[in-house]
Amino acid sequence: MSVPRFAIMTAPLTVDRLASELEAAFRYGGEGCGAITTFVGVVRATHRGRRVKFLEYEAFTPLAMKAFERIGAEIAAEWPTAGVAIHHRVGRLDVGEASVAIAAAAAHRSEAFQVCRYAIERVKQIVPVWKHEFFEDGDAWVEGAAADEDDEAARARAREVACV
């Protein structure tokens, strides 16, 4: 891939190139790539009834990258012919901007949807990214990842949600 599969970045996220690169990387493996699913998390205009002005994301990049690699390895173990790419943005983001982009490639659509959903659930569980929300009437930190990456119960919950 000419773009990294896993990245923490300050530049705006583009899911099209991420999905295209991932498809090309998985095109000839196993049964081939028959499905690409994507997820893009976008900054909402409101949170719990409060109007959002902007967000600031922070990450501990070395650990975040290790967590992305961990998620990739878990996906490879559970869905051996599928692949995933995850990019998360840090810095100031305005309403409507993408904060996280995930692309999942698999031979079949059901696997691709499962992989994509599993990836975002695990990102929320184990990736050290923190969100500071700024409202018209103040600001608040949103608790980031709280699960231990080795917590099998958390991993099982992510798989259960992904495979409903």
Protein backbone atom coordinates (compact mmCIF):
# COMPACT_ATOMS: atom_id res chain seq x y z
CA MET A 1 0.00 0.00 0.00
CA SER A 2 1.26 3.48 -0.80
CA VAL A 3 -0.59 4.84 2.23
CA PRO A 4 0.04 3.27 5.64
CA ARG A 5 -2.58 0.82 6.87
CA PHE A 6 -2.47 2.38 10.32
CA ALA A 7 -1.88 6.05 11.03
CA ILE A 8 -2.39 8.91 13.47
CA MET A 9 -2.42 12.10 11.45
CA THR A 10 -3.16 15.81 11.52
CA ALA A 11 -4.17 16.06 7.85
CA PRO A 12 -7.82 15.63 6.85
CA LEU A 13 -8.85 12.00 6.37
CA THR A 14 -9.89 10.54 3.02
CA VAL A 15 -11.54 7.16 3.05
CA ASP A 16 -11.63 6.70 -0.75
CA ARG A 17 -7.88 6.32 -1.15
CA LEU A 18 -7.65 4.17 1.97
CA ALA A 19 -10.34 1.81 0.65
CA SER A 20 -8.82 1.69 -2.84
CA GLU A 21 -5.35 0.89 -1.51
CA LEU A 22 -6.69 -1.79 0.81
CA GLU A 23 -8.69 -3.40 -2.01
CA ALA A 24 -5.58 -3.54 -4.19
CA ALA A 25 -3.58 -5.12 -1.36
CA PHE A 26 -6.18 -7.87 -0.85
CA ARG A 27 -7.29 -8.31 -4.48
CA TYR A 28 -5.50 -11.60 -5.10
CA GLY A 29 -5.36 -13.17 -1.64
CA GLY A 30 -7.54 -16.17 -0.82
CA GLU A 31 -10.88 -15.81 -2.61
CA GLY A 32 -9.96 -12.28 -3.59
CA CYS A 33 -11.52 -9.05 -2.48
CA GLY A 34 -15.25 -9.02 -3.13
CA ALA A 35 -16.24 -6.38 -0.61
CA ILE A 36 -14.93 -3.19 0.91
CA THR A 37 -16.76 -1.56 3.79
CA THR A 38 -15.85 1.76 5.30
CA PHE A 39 -16.64 3.67 8.43
CA VAL A 40 -16.03 7.37 8.87
CA GLY A 41 -16.57 8.97 12.27
CA VAL A 42 -17.57 12.61 11.87
CA VAL A 43 -17.68 15.45 14.40
CA ARG A 44 -21.32 16.01 15.34
CA ALA A 45 -22.90 19.45 15.76
CA THR A 46 -24.38 18.53 19.15
CA HIS A 47 -23.48 16.30 22.06
CA ARG A 48 -25.97 15.58 24.84
CA GLY A 49 -28.03 18.61 23.91
CA ARG A 50 -25.07 21.02 23.76
CA ARG A 51 -23.98 22.73 20.55
CA VAL A 52 -20.42 21.73 19.62
CA LYS A 53 -18.08 24.46 18.35
CA PHE A 54 -15.10 22.16 17.65
CA LEU A 55 -13.14 19.22 19.06
CA GLU A 56 -9.48 18.65 19.81
CA TYR A 57 -8.16 15.10 19.68
CA GLU A 58 -4.95 14.01 21.36
CA ALA A 59 -3.23 10.65 21.11
CA PHE A 60 -0.21 8.92 22.52
CA THR A 61 0.97 7.97 19.05
CA PRO A 62 3.44 5.14 19.84
CA LEU A 63 0.83 3.28 21.90
CA ALA A 64 -1.97 4.13 19.47
CA MET A 65 0.02 2.59 16.62
CA LYS A 66 0.67 -0.54 18.71
CA ALA A 67 -3.07 -0.74 19.44
CA PHE A 68 -3.88 -0.42 15.71
CA GLU A 69 -1.40 -3.25 15.00
CA ARG A 70 -3.03 -5.29 17.75
CA ILE A 71 -6.47 -4.77 16.20
CA GLY A 72 -5.07 -5.79 12.82
CA ALA A 73 -3.60 -8.97 14.32
CA GLU A 74 -6.88 -9.82 16.08
CA ILE A 75 -8.73 -9.37 12.79
CA ALA A 76 -6.20 -11.55 10.95
CA ALA A 77 -6.70 -14.29 13.54
CA GLU A 78 -10.51 -14.11 13.44
CA TRP A 79 -10.98 -13.35 9.72
CA PRO A 80 -7.78 -14.73 8.10
CA THR A 81 -8.50 -13.58 4.55
CA ALA A 82 -9.72 -10.10 5.50
CA GLY A 83 -7.80 -6.91 6.09
CA VAL A 84 -8.28 -3.56 7.77
CA ALA A 85 -6.84 -0.06 7.60
CA ILE A 86 -7.39 2.55 10.33
CA HIS A 87 -6.53 6.24 10.29
CA HIS A 88 -7.31 8.55 13.22
CA ARG A 89 -6.97 12.28 13.17
CA VAL A 90 -5.58 14.45 15.97
CA GLY A 91 -5.65 18.19 16.49
CA ARG A 92 -8.52 20.59 16.04
CA LEU A 93 -11.52 19.32 14.07
CA ASP A 94 -14.57 21.33 13.16
CA VAL A 95 -18.13 20.05 12.92
CA GLY A 96 -18.47 17.79 9.88
CA GLU A 97 -14.80 16.79 9.70
CA ALA A 98 -13.77 13.13 9.84
CA SER A 99 -12.04 12.00 13.03
CA VAL A 100 -11.56 8.31 12.18
CA ALA A 101 -11.60 6.39 8.90
CA ILE A 102 -11.68 2.61 8.69
CA ALA A 103 -11.66 0.42 5.60
CA ALA A 104 -12.18 -3.34 5.71
CA ALA A 105 -11.56 -5.71 2.82
CA ALA A 106 -12.86 -9.27 2.56
CA ALA A 107 -14.01 -11.82 0.04
CA HIS A 108 -17.64 -11.43 1.09
CA ARG A 109 -19.75 -8.52 2.37
CA SER A 110 -20.71 -10.11 5.68
CA GLU A 111 -17.05 -10.49 6.68
CA ALA A 112 -16.22 -6.97 5.52
CA PHE A 113 -19.04 -5.51 7.64
CA GLN A 114 -17.98 -7.59 10.65
CA VAL A 115 -14.34 -6.57 10.34
CA CYS A 116 -15.19 -2.88 10.00
CA ARG A 117 -17.54 -2.93 13.00
CA TYR A 118 -15.08 -4.94 15.09
CA ALA A 119 -12.32 -2.46 14.26
CA ILE A 120 -14.24 0.62 15.44
CA GLU A 121 -15.39 -1.15 18.60
CA ARG A 122 -11.79 -2.07 19.44
CA VAL A 123 -10.56 1.45 18.58
CA LYS A 124 -13.02 2.81 21.14
CA GLN A 125 -11.91 0.19 23.68
CA ILE A 126 -8.12 0.20 23.50
CA VAL A 127 -6.63 3.03 21.41
CA PRO A 128 -5.22 5.88 23.55
CA VAL A 129 -7.01 8.81 21.88
CA TRP A 130 -8.70 11.51 23.93
CA LYS A 131 -11.35 13.99 22.85
CA HIS A 132 -11.73 17.51 24.21
CA GLU A 133 -15.09 18.98 23.22
CA PHE A 134 -15.65 22.72 23.05
CA PHE A 135 -19.23 23.95 23.33
CA GLU A 136 -20.86 27.35 23.16
CA ASP A 137 -21.16 27.25 26.96
CA GLY A 138 -17.93 25.54 28.05
CA ASP A 139 -15.82 22.47 27.38
CA ALA A 140 -15.42 18.87 28.53
CA TRP A 141 -13.02 15.96 28.12
CA VAL A 142 -14.58 12.72 26.92
CA GLU A 143 -13.11 9.59 28.46
CA GLY A 144 -11.02 7.71 25.94
CA ALA A 145 -10.13 4.05 25.71
CA ALA A 146 -10.45 2.35 29.07
CA ALA A 147 -10.13 -1.38 28.37
CA ASP A 148 -6.90 -3.31 28.79
CA GLU A 149 -5.93 -4.64 25.36
CA ASP A 150 -5.59 -8.10 26.90
CA ASP A 151 -9.10 -8.00 28.40
CA GLU A 152 -10.75 -10.95 26.69
CA ALA A 153 -14.22 -9.92 27.91
CA ALA A 154 -13.87 -6.55 26.13
CA ARG A 155 -12.64 -8.30 23.00
CA ALA A 156 -15.59 -10.71 23.15
CA ARG A 157 -18.02 -7.78 23.48
CA ALA A 158 -16.50 -6.15 20.39
CA ARG A 159 -16.85 -9.39 18.44
CA GLU A 160 -20.44 -9.87 19.64
CA VAL A 161 -21.40 -6.36 18.52
CA ALA A 162 -19.65 -6.86 15.18
CA CYS A 163 -21.30 -10.18 14.45
CA VAL A 164 -24.96 -9.50 15.34
